[in-house]
C-alpha atoms as a PDB file:
ATOM      1  CA  MET A   1       0.075   0.039   0.052  1.00  0.00           C
ATOM      2  CA  THR A   2       1.373   3.240  -0.839  1.00  0.00           C
ATOM      3  CA  CYS A   3       1.729   5.920   1.731  1.00  0.00           C
ATOM      4  CA  ASN A   4      -0.178   9.422   1.679  1.00  0.00           C
ATOM      5  CA  MET A   5      -0.267  10.018   4.993  1.00  0.00           C
ATOM      6  CA  CYS A   6       1.724  13.676   5.419  1.00  0.00           C
ATOM      7  CA  PRO A   7       1.263  16.310   3.100  1.00  0.00           C
ATOM      8  CA  ARG A   8       4.308  15.359   1.204  1.00  0.00           C
ATOM      9  CA  LYS A   9       1.910  12.609  -0.441  1.00  0.00           C
ATOM     10  CA  CYS A  10       5.057  10.491  -1.502  1.00  0.00           C
ATOM     11  CA  ASN A  11       3.086   7.696  -2.985  1.00  0.00           C
ATOM     12  CA  ILE A  12       5.967   5.320  -1.822  1.00  0.00           C
ATOM     13  CA  ASP A  13       5.274   1.865  -0.565  1.00  0.00           C
ATOM     14  CA  ARG A  14       6.919   1.898   2.711  1.00  0.00           C
ATOM     15  CA  GLU A  15       6.891  -1.776   3.022  1.00  0.00           C
ATOM     16  CA  LYS A  16       9.680  -1.772   0.502  1.00  0.00           C
ATOM     17  CA  GLN A  17      11.373   1.539   0.909  1.00  0.00           C
ATOM     18  CA  ALA A  18      11.173   4.534   3.334  1.00  0.00           C
ATOM     19  CA  GLY A  19       9.139   7.677   2.692  1.00  0.00           C
ATOM     20  CA  PHE A  20      10.187  11.413   3.062  1.00  0.00           C
ATOM     21  CA  CYS A  21       9.813  10.909   6.601  1.00  0.00           C
ATOM     22  CA  GLY A  22      12.753   8.551   6.592  1.00  0.00           C
ATOM     23  CA  MET A  23      10.694   5.816   7.965  1.00  0.00           C
ATOM     24  CA  LYS A  24       9.417   2.369   6.409  1.00  0.00           C
ATOM     25  CA  ASN A  25       5.821   0.863   7.520  1.00  0.00           C
ATOM     26  CA  LYS A  26       7.009  -0.473  10.977  1.00  0.00           C
ATOM     27  CA  ILE A  27       6.497   1.669  13.850  1.00  0.00           C
ATOM     28  CA  LYS A  28       9.804   2.778  15.314  1.00  0.00           C
ATOM     29  CA  ILE A  29      10.186   4.636  18.426  1.00  0.00           C
ATOM     30  CA  ALA A  30      12.897   6.170  20.492  1.00  0.00           C
ATOM     31  CA  ARG A  31      11.501   6.774  23.898  1.00  0.00           C
ATOM     32  CA  ALA A  32       8.262   6.168  25.842  1.00  0.00           C
ATOM     33  CA  GLU A  33       8.229   7.450  29.404  1.00  0.00           C
ATOM     34  CA  LEU A  34       6.705  10.108  31.826  1.00  0.00           C
ATOM     35  CA  HIS A  35       7.569  13.758  30.361  1.00  0.00           C
ATOM     36  CA  PHE A  36       7.566  16.675  32.745  1.00  0.00           C
ATOM     37  CA  TRP A  37       8.523  19.478  30.472  1.00  0.00           C
ATOM     38  CA  GLU A  38       5.196  20.102  28.292  1.00  0.00           C
ATOM     39  CA  GLU A  39       2.654  22.898  29.024  1.00  0.00           C
ATOM     40  CA  PRO A  40       1.448  22.609  32.778  1.00  0.00           C
ATOM     41  CA  CYS A  41      -1.921  21.387  31.698  1.00  0.00           C
ATOM     42  CA  ILE A  42      -0.400  18.477  29.767  1.00  0.00           C
ATOM     43  CA  SER A  43       2.430  17.582  32.028  1.00  0.00           C
ATOM     44  CA  GLY A  44       0.684  18.395  35.410  1.00  0.00           C
ATOM     45  CA  LYS A  45       2.070  16.678  38.662  1.00  0.00           C
ATOM     46  CA  ASN A  46       2.326  13.166  37.254  1.00  0.00           C
ATOM     47  CA  GLY A  47       3.830  13.966  33.690  1.00  0.00           C
ATOM     48  CA  SER A  48       2.699  13.232  30.261  1.00  0.00           C
ATOM     49  CA  GLY A  49       2.838   9.648  28.893  1.00  0.00           C
ATOM     50  CA  THR A  50       5.083  10.767  25.967  1.00  0.00           C
ATOM     51  CA  ILE A  51       6.098   8.420  23.053  1.00  0.00           C
ATOM     52  CA  PHE A  52       8.503   9.829  20.813  1.00  0.00           C
ATOM     53  CA  PHE A  53       8.309   8.501  17.317  1.00  0.00           C
ATOM     54  CA  SER A  54      11.167   8.239  14.843  1.00  0.00           C
ATOM     55  CA  GLY A  55      11.075   9.980  11.528  1.00  0.00           C
ATOM     56  CA  CYS A  56       9.280  13.275  10.627  1.00  0.00           C
ATOM     57  CA  PRO A  57       7.680  14.784   7.459  1.00  0.00           C
ATOM     58  CA  LEU A  58       9.421  17.972   7.992  1.00  0.00           C
ATOM     59  CA  ARG A  59      13.349  18.622   7.773  1.00  0.00           C
ATOM     60  CA  CYS A  60      13.932  21.625  10.126  1.00  0.00           C
ATOM     61  CA  VAL A  61      17.233  22.530   9.963  1.00  0.00           C
ATOM     62  CA  TYR A  62      17.562  23.303  13.724  1.00  0.00           C
ATOM     63  CA  CYS A  63      15.703  20.227  15.017  1.00  0.00           C
ATOM     64  CA  GLN A  64      16.492  19.590  18.561  1.00  0.00           C
ATOM     65  CA  ASN A  65      15.690  15.764  17.907  1.00  0.00           C
ATOM     66  CA  GLU A  66      17.701  15.450  14.719  1.00  0.00           C
ATOM     67  CA  GLU A  67      18.993  12.000  16.398  1.00  0.00           C
ATOM     68  CA  ILE A  68      15.521  10.616  15.862  1.00  0.00           C
ATOM     69  CA  SER A  69      13.564  12.866  13.305  1.00  0.00           C
ATOM     70  CA  SER A  70      16.141  12.624  10.294  1.00  0.00           C
ATOM     71  CA  GLY A  71      18.737  10.397  11.919  1.00  0.00           C
ATOM     72  CA  GLY A  72      16.262   7.650  12.282  1.00  0.00           C
ATOM     73  CA  TYR A  73      17.451   6.382  15.613  1.00  0.00           C
ATOM     74  CA  GLY A  74      14.990   4.318  17.425  1.00  0.00           C
ATOM     75  CA  LYS A  75      13.584   0.467  17.821  1.00  0.00           C
ATOM     76  CA  GLU A  76      11.180  -1.045  15.780  1.00  0.00           C
ATOM     77  CA  ILE A  77       7.828  -2.383  17.429  1.00  0.00           C
ATOM     78  CA  SER A  78       4.623  -3.676  16.426  1.00  0.00           C
ATOM     79  CA  VAL A  79       1.167  -2.263  16.749  1.00  0.00           C
ATOM     80  CA  GLU A  80       0.519  -4.975  19.576  1.00  0.00           C
ATOM     81  CA  ARG A  81       3.427  -3.613  21.559  1.00  0.00           C
ATOM     82  CA  LEU A  82       2.343   0.141  20.952  1.00  0.00           C
ATOM     83  CA  ALA A  83      -0.972  -0.643  22.509  1.00  0.00           C
ATOM     84  CA  GLU A  84       0.829  -2.285  25.524  1.00  0.00           C
ATOM     85  CA  ILE A  85       2.908   0.860  26.015  1.00  0.00           C
ATOM     86  CA  PHE A  86      -0.489   2.975  26.078  1.00  0.00           C
ATOM     87  CA  LYS A  87      -1.392   0.534  29.065  1.00  0.00           C
ATOM     88  CA  GLU A  88       1.962   0.831  30.949  1.00  0.00           C
ATOM     89  CA  LEU A  89       2.212   4.770  30.689  1.00  0.00           C
ATOM     90  CA  GLU A  90      -1.360   4.752  31.687  1.00  0.00           C
ATOM     91  CA  GLU A  91      -0.485   2.572  34.966  1.00  0.00           C
ATOM     92  CA  LYS A  92       2.298   4.946  35.704  1.00  0.00           C
ATOM     93  CA  GLY A  93       0.063   7.548  36.467  1.00  0.00           C
ATOM     94  CA  ALA A  94       0.501   9.445  33.074  1.00  0.00           C
ATOM     95  CA  HIS A  95      -2.099  12.355  32.965  1.00  0.00           C
ATOM     96  CA  ASN A  96      -2.443  11.485  29.088  1.00  0.00           C
ATOM     97  CA  ILE A  97      -0.966   9.670  26.117  1.00  0.00           C
ATOM     98  CA  ASN A  98       1.245  12.003  24.360  1.00  0.00           C
ATOM     99  CA  LEU A  99       2.007  11.102  20.934  1.00  0.00           C
ATOM    100  CA  VAL A 100       5.077  12.957  19.546  1.00  0.00           C
ATOM    101  CA  THR A 101       5.448  13.210  15.750  1.00  0.00           C
ATOM    102  CA  PRO A 102       3.053  10.725  14.921  1.00  0.00           C
ATOM    103  CA  THR A 103       1.885  12.049  11.456  1.00  0.00           C
ATOM    104  CA  HIS A 104       3.231   9.210   9.407  1.00  0.00           C
ATOM    105  CA  TYR A 105       2.139   6.490  11.716  1.00  0.00           C
ATOM    106  CA  VAL A 106      -1.358   7.688  11.900  1.00  0.00           C
ATOM    107  CA  GLU A 107      -2.788   4.182  10.525  1.00  0.00           C
ATOM    108  CA  GLN A 108      -0.874   2.113  12.907  1.00  0.00           C
ATOM    109  CA  ILE A 109      -1.640   4.249  16.050  1.00  0.00           C
ATOM    110  CA  LEU A 110      -5.427   3.845  15.223  1.00  0.00           C
ATOM    111  CA  GLU A 111      -4.767   0.169  15.074  1.00  0.00           C
ATOM    112  CA  ALA A 112      -3.188   0.173  18.497  1.00  0.00           C
ATOM    113  CA  LEU A 113      -5.921   2.072  19.979  1.00  0.00           C
ATOM    114  CA  GLU A 114      -8.441  -0.573  18.767  1.00  0.00           C
ATOM    115  CA  ILE A 115      -6.448  -3.031  20.678  1.00  0.00           C
ATOM    116  CA  TYR A 116      -6.444  -0.772  24.093  1.00  0.00           C
ATOM    117  CA  ARG A 117      -7.857   2.406  24.275  1.00  0.00           C
ATOM    118  CA  PRO A 118      -6.507   4.181  27.567  1.00  0.00           C
ATOM    119  CA  LYS A 119      -9.022   5.929  29.857  1.00  0.00           C
ATOM    120  CA  ILE A 120      -6.810   8.947  29.857  1.00  0.00           C
ATOM    121  CA  PRO A 121      -6.645  11.804  26.960  1.00  0.00           C
ATOM    122  CA  ILE A 122      -4.841  11.164  23.923  1.00  0.00           C
ATOM    123  CA  VAL A 123      -2.489  14.261  22.915  1.00  0.00           C
ATOM    124  CA  TYR A 124      -1.434  14.430  19.213  1.00  0.00           C
ATOM    125  CA  ASN A 125       1.526  16.541  19.472  1.00  0.00           C
ATOM    126  CA  CYS A 126       2.640  17.767  15.904  1.00  0.00           C
ATOM    127  CA  SER A 127       4.471  20.230  13.636  1.00  0.00           C
ATOM    128  CA  GLY A 128       1.333  21.472  12.252  1.00  0.00           C
ATOM    129  CA  TYR A 129       2.289  20.111   8.834  1.00  0.00           C
ATOM    130  CA  GLU A 130      -0.772  17.807   8.650  1.00  0.00           C
ATOM    131  CA  SER A 131      -2.994  16.456   6.092  1.00  0.00           C
ATOM    132  CA  VAL A 132      -6.637  17.291   6.688  1.00  0.00           C
ATOM    133  CA  GLU A 133      -7.627  14.020   4.989  1.00  0.00           C
ATOM    134  CA  MET A 134      -5.862  11.964   7.587  1.00  0.00           C
ATOM    135  CA  LEU A 135      -6.990  14.417  10.547  1.00  0.00           C
ATOM    136  CA  LYS A 136     -10.526  13.653   9.673  1.00  0.00           C
ATOM    137  CA  LYS A 137      -9.545   9.930  10.405  1.00  0.00           C
ATOM    138  CA  LEU A 138      -8.931  11.069  13.842  1.00  0.00           C
ATOM    139  CA  ASP A 139     -12.185  12.791  14.679  1.00  0.00           C
ATOM    140  CA  GLY A 140     -13.469  11.408  17.814  1.00  0.00           C
ATOM    141  CA  ILE A 141     -10.165   9.875  18.636  1.00  0.00           C
ATOM    142  CA  ILE A 142      -7.923  12.646  19.664  1.00  0.00           C
ATOM    143  CA  ASP A 143      -8.773  14.542  22.509  1.00  0.00           C
ATOM    144  CA  VAL A 144      -6.049  17.256  22.919  1.00  0.00           C
ATOM    145  CA  TYR A 145      -4.320  18.636  19.869  1.00  0.00           C
ATOM    146  CA  LEU A 146      -0.762  20.197  20.506  1.00  0.00           C
ATOM    147  CA  THR A 147       0.047  21.897  17.232  1.00  0.00           C
ATOM    148  CA  ASP A 148       2.903  24.133  16.160  1.00  0.00           C
ATOM    149  CA  ILE A 149       2.576  27.134  13.709  1.00  0.00           C
ATOM    150  CA  LYS A 150       5.837  27.671  12.792  1.00  0.00           C
ATOM    151  CA  TYR A 151       5.967  30.171   9.692  1.00  0.00           C
ATOM    152  CA  TYR A 152       3.780  32.209   7.793  1.00  0.00           C
ATOM    153  CA  ASP A 153       5.957  33.072   4.804  1.00  0.00           C
ATOM    154  CA  ASN A 154       6.567  30.348   1.878  1.00  0.00           C
ATOM    155  CA  GLU A 155      10.299  31.467   1.551  1.00  0.00           C
ATOM    156  CA  VAL A 156      11.000  30.965   5.209  1.00  0.00           C
ATOM    157  CA  SER A 157       9.431  27.740   5.848  1.00  0.00           C
ATOM    158  CA  LYS A 158      11.216  26.254   2.513  1.00  0.00           C
ATOM    159  CA  LYS A 159      14.607  27.586   3.904  1.00  0.00           C
ATOM    160  CA  TYR A 160      14.242  26.181   7.287  1.00  0.00           C
ATOM    161  CA  SER A 161      12.155  23.106   6.880  1.00  0.00           C
ATOM    162  CA  LYS A 162      11.967  22.179   3.453  1.00  0.00           C
ATOM    163  CA  ALA A 163       8.349  23.093   2.934  1.00  0.00           C
ATOM    164  CA  GLU A 164       7.082  25.762   0.856  1.00  0.00           C
ATOM    165  CA  ASP A 165       3.656  24.937   1.672  1.00  0.00           C
ATOM    166  CA  TYR A 166       3.837  25.016   5.254  1.00  0.00           C
ATOM    167  CA  PHE A 167       1.698  27.642   6.180  1.00  0.00           C
ATOM    168  CA  GLU A 168      -0.990  26.905   3.617  1.00  0.00           C
ATOM    169  CA  VAL A 169      -1.374  23.161   4.818  1.00  0.00           C
ATOM    170  CA  ALA A 170      -0.917  24.262   8.697  1.00  0.00           C
ATOM    171  CA  SER A 171      -3.749  26.673   8.601  1.00  0.00           C
ATOM    172  CA  GLN A 172      -6.178  24.226   7.306  1.00  0.00           C
ATOM    173  CA  ALA A 173      -5.041  21.718   9.673  1.00  0.00           C
ATOM    174  CA  VAL A 174      -5.579  23.875  12.638  1.00  0.00           C
ATOM    175  CA  LYS A 175      -9.023  24.910  11.569  1.00  0.00           C
ATOM    176  CA  GLU A 176      -9.761  21.153  11.251  1.00  0.00           C
ATOM    177  CA  MET A 177      -8.251  20.493  14.899  1.00  0.00           C
ATOM    178  CA  ILE A 178     -10.493  23.276  16.238  1.00  0.00           C
ATOM    179  CA  SER A 179     -13.588  22.019  14.558  1.00  0.00           C
ATOM    180  CA  GLN A 180     -13.007  18.382  16.248  1.00  0.00           C
ATOM    181  CA  GLN A 181     -12.169  19.746  19.605  1.00  0.00           C
ATOM    182  CA  PRO A 182     -13.779  23.587  19.722  1.00  0.00           C
ATOM    183  CA  GLU A 183     -14.007  23.657  23.625  1.00  0.00           C
ATOM    184  CA  ASN A 184     -11.082  23.493  26.002  1.00  0.00           C
ATOM    185  CA  ILE A 185     -12.178  21.411  28.594  1.00  0.00           C
ATOM    186  CA  PHE A 186     -10.011  20.927  31.853  1.00  0.00           C
ATOM    187  CA  ASP A 187     -10.228  18.614  34.931  1.00  0.00           C
ATOM    188  CA  GLU A 188     -10.391  19.507  38.621  1.00  0.00           C
ATOM    189  CA  ASN A 189      -6.536  19.597  38.635  1.00  0.00           C
ATOM    190  CA  SER A 190      -6.309  21.593  35.649  1.00  0.00           C
ATOM    191  CA  ILE A 191      -5.221  19.071  33.187  1.00  0.00           C
ATOM    192  CA  MET A 192      -6.507  19.441  29.727  1.00  0.00           C
ATOM    193  CA  GLN A 193      -9.035  16.920  28.784  1.00  0.00           C
ATOM    194  CA  LYS A 194     -10.372  18.319  25.406  1.00  0.00           C
ATOM    195  CA  GLY A 195      -9.009  21.122  23.085  1.00  0.00           C
ATOM    196  CA  VAL A 196      -6.538  22.581  20.953  1.00  0.00           C
ATOM    197  CA  ILE A 197      -3.253  24.348  21.976  1.00  0.00           C
ATOM    198  CA  ILE A 198      -1.366  26.278  19.562  1.00  0.00           C
ATOM    199  CA  ARG A 199       2.514  26.540  19.740  1.00  0.00           C
ATOM    200  CA  HIS A 200       4.735  28.939  18.253  1.00  0.00           C
ATOM    201  CA  LEU A 201       8.654  28.792  18.656  1.00  0.00           C
ATOM    202  CA  VAL A 202      10.258  32.302  18.521  1.00  0.00           C
ATOM    203  CA  LEU A 203      13.187  31.976  15.822  1.00  0.00           C
ATOM    204  CA  PRO A 204      16.114  34.498  15.984  1.00  0.00           C
ATOM    205  CA  LEU A 205      15.450  37.489  13.814  1.00  0.00           C
ATOM    206  CA  ASN A 206      12.076  36.169  12.378  1.00  0.00           C
ATOM    207  CA  LEU A 207       9.746  38.211  14.614  1.00  0.00           C
ATOM    208  CA  THR A 208       8.015  38.821  11.475  1.00  0.00           C
ATOM    209  CA  GLN A 209       6.942  35.319  11.266  1.00  0.00           C
ATOM    210  CA  THR A 210       5.665  35.546  14.847  1.00  0.00           C
ATOM    211  CA  ARG A 211       3.408  38.666  14.090  1.00  0.00           C
ATOM    212  CA  LYS A 212       1.891  37.348  10.999  1.00  0.00           C
ATOM    213  CA  ILE A 213       1.281  34.181  12.684  1.00  0.00           C
ATOM    214  CA  LEU A 214      -0.577  35.731  15.749  1.00  0.00           C
ATOM    215  CA  GLN A 215      -2.287  38.169  13.854  1.00  0.00           C
ATOM    216  CA  TRP A 216      -3.785  35.447  11.471  1.00  0.00           C
ATOM    217  CA  ILE A 217      -4.982  33.607  14.348  1.00  0.00           C
ATOM    218  CA  LYS A 218      -6.820  36.609  16.049  1.00  0.00           C
ATOM    219  CA  ASP A 219      -8.330  37.296  12.726  1.00  0.00           C
ATOM    220  CA  GLU A 220      -9.337  33.649  11.390  1.00  0.00           C
ATOM    221  CA  LEU A 221      -9.462  31.775  14.349  1.00  0.00           C
ATOM    222  CA  SER A 222     -10.060  33.762  17.653  1.00  0.00           C
ATOM    223  CA  GLU A 223      -8.627  35.715  20.402  1.00  0.00           C
ATOM    224  CA  ASN A 224      -9.785  33.035  22.813  1.00  0.00           C
ATOM    225  CA  VAL A 225      -7.569  30.158  21.438  1.00  0.00           C
ATOM    226  CA  ILE A 226      -4.699  28.796  23.956  1.00  0.00           C
ATOM    227  CA  ILE A 227      -1.328  29.986  22.535  1.00  0.00           C
ATOM    228  CA  SER A 228       1.977  28.560  23.709  1.00  0.00           C
ATOM    229  CA  LEU A 229       4.602  31.237  23.147  1.00  0.00           C
ATOM    230  CA  MET A 230       8.116  29.359  23.181  1.00  0.00           C
ATOM    231  CA  SER A 231      11.323  30.658  24.009  1.00  0.00           C
ATOM    232  CA  GLN A 232      12.979  27.495  24.025  1.00  0.00           C
ATOM    233  CA  TYR A 233      14.968  27.737  20.933  1.00  0.00           C
ATOM    234  CA  VAL A 234      18.430  25.903  20.877  1.00  0.00           C
ATOM    235  CA  PRO A 235      20.668  26.144  17.699  1.00  0.00           C
ATOM    236  CA  MET A 236      20.940  22.426  17.049  1.00  0.00           C
ATOM    237  CA  GLY A 237      21.047  20.357  14.047  1.00  0.00           C
ATOM    238  CA  LYS A 238      22.068  22.090  10.952  1.00  0.00           C
ATOM    239  CA  ALA A 239      21.682  25.642  12.375  1.00  0.00           C
ATOM    240  CA  SER A 240      25.309  26.331  12.482  1.00  0.00           C
ATOM    241  CA  GLU A 241      25.134  26.653   8.552  1.00  0.00           C
ATOM    242  CA  TYR A 242      22.694  29.667   8.715  1.00  0.00           C
ATOM    243  CA  LYS A 243      24.027  32.488  10.657  1.00  0.00           C
ATOM    244  CA  GLU A 244      21.090  34.263  11.407  1.00  0.00           C
ATOM    245  CA  ILE A 245      19.600  31.615  13.594  1.00  0.00           C
ATOM    246  CA  ASN A 246      22.722  30.035  14.987  1.00  0.00           C
ATOM    247  CA  ARG A 247      21.996  31.481  18.364  1.00  0.00           C
ATOM    248  CA  LYS A 248      19.540  31.539  21.232  1.00  0.00           C
ATOM    249  CA  ILE A 249      16.758  34.510  20.910  1.00  0.00           C
ATOM    250  CA  THR A 250      17.409  37.545  23.112  1.00  0.00           C
ATOM    251  CA  PRO A 251      15.374  38.774  26.104  1.00  0.00           C
ATOM    252  CA  ARG A 252      14.566  41.662  23.929  1.00  0.00           C
ATOM    253  CA  GLU A 253      13.189  39.378  21.226  1.00  0.00           C
ATOM    254  CA  TYR A 254      11.044  37.602  23.331  1.00  0.00           C
ATOM    255  CA  ASP A 255       9.851  40.912  24.870  1.00  0.00           C
ATOM    256  CA  LYS A 256       8.694  41.903  21.669  1.00  0.00           C
ATOM    257  CA  ALA A 257       6.947  38.455  20.785  1.00  0.00           C
ATOM    258  CA  LEU A 258       4.988  39.090  24.257  1.00  0.00           C
ATOM    259  CA  SER A 259       4.068  42.513  23.127  1.00  0.00           C
ATOM    260  CA  ILE A 260       2.492  41.169  19.929  1.00  0.00           C
ATOM    261  CA  VAL A 261       0.778  38.799  21.916  1.00  0.00           C
ATOM    262  CA  GLU A 262      -0.583  41.671  24.118  1.00  0.00           C
ATOM    263  CA  GLU A 263      -1.342  43.914  21.007  1.00  0.00           C
ATOM    264  CA  CYS A 264      -3.537  41.121  19.603  1.00  0.00           C
ATOM    265  CA  GLY A 265      -5.360  40.959  22.789  1.00  0.00           C
ATOM    266  CA  PHE A 266      -4.650  37.101  23.382  1.00  0.00           C
ATOM    267  CA  GLU A 267      -5.364  36.214  27.162  1.00  0.00           C
ATOM    268  CA  ASN A 268      -4.948  32.278  27.250  1.00  0.00           C
ATOM    269  CA  VAL A 269      -1.189  32.262  26.661  1.00  0.00           C
ATOM    270  CA  PHE A 270       1.721  30.157  28.222  1.00  0.00           C
ATOM    271  CA  ILE A 271       5.019  31.791  28.182  1.00  0.00           C
ATOM    272  CA  GLN A 272       8.570  30.439  29.026  1.00  0.00           C
ATOM    273  CA  GLU A 273      11.359  31.469  30.786  1.00  0.00           C
ATOM    274  CA  LEU A 274      14.401  32.264  28.797  1.00  0.00           C
ATOM    275  CA  ASP A 275      16.416  29.559  30.756  1.00  0.00           C
ATOM    276  CA  SER A 276      14.153  27.313  29.045  1.00  0.00           C
ATOM    277  CA  SER A 277      16.525  27.517  26.089  1.00  0.00           C
ATOM    278  CA  SER A 278      18.729  24.763  27.180  1.00  0.00           C
ATOM    279  CA  GLU A 279      19.763  21.380  26.070  1.00  0.00           C
ATOM    280  CA  ASP A 280      18.881  20.131  29.647  1.00  0.00           C
ATOM    281  CA  PHE A 281      15.365  20.099  28.698  1.00  0.00           C
ATOM    282  CA  ILE A 282      15.691  17.609  25.817  1.00  0.00           C
ATOM    283  CA  PRO A 283      14.874  14.165  26.727  1.00  0.00           C
ATOM    284  CA  PRO A 284      17.435  11.289  26.455  1.00  0.00           C
ATOM    285  CA  PHE A 285      16.656   9.019  23.253  1.00  0.00           C
ATOM    286  CA  ASN A 286      17.696   5.731  25.175  1.00  0.00           C
ATOM    287  CA  LEU A 287      14.722   3.363  24.362  1.00  0.00           C
ATOM    288  CA  GLU A 288      13.414   3.809  27.981  1.00  0.00           C
ATOM    289  CA  GLY A 289       9.853   2.401  27.949  1.00  0.00           C
ATOM    290  CA  VAL A 290      10.187   0.959  24.471  1.00  0.00           C
END
């Protein structure tokens, strides 16, 4: 069966060869453990049951997970084993099952959830570069969408992620996510049960992208959406080849980004301390829990 799960639409038989994502049809993951560095309403006190999938439909030059996203590190597992991991994380007290970069494994994830559906929320943690057609298959399955909107301008997304159509795709994807989960619902411990969080990573010398994205969200979605404005950028991967982003953002850049949030009238906003820009917050990809 040829694969068209992501917007790349490779039309490649992943039983025989890898797609643009770098993966064949077999599920490959690099870590499955409690994770405490997501937004507070996701990680909570107990941690988020986070599964890091290998491979990725994007090629972000600064990727902090390059070892698994384009390097291909991880261990192949069966659909049955993935279902077992869901249960194991749930039994550890995870607030949710957090699927990180799951795009190219949607069909297999659906199979695993048919085998075992946890009684805790399922979080779809993605880059925003998602096919609406595939997202529709997740309607009624995914409880929380934790999605990026990285870029607005085509030339920027082409340069840094090799995806000239990024915003065209991501803007339609987030609208589909919100149509599936239009209301943000939290339990008595402020843990998100349903809804959508839109993440935006502030990049050095790219505040124009931040302004355009936040203005678009205000104009096309709502001032009431939940925004996560991230200051955690660390120049990793191939960022050293791009002088303008080969550094962390400055306090002034992040303050300016926060000013844009205020100008747009957003009230539901997660912000980060600048010391979150550290490799210490990147989990070890050591096959723990796999």
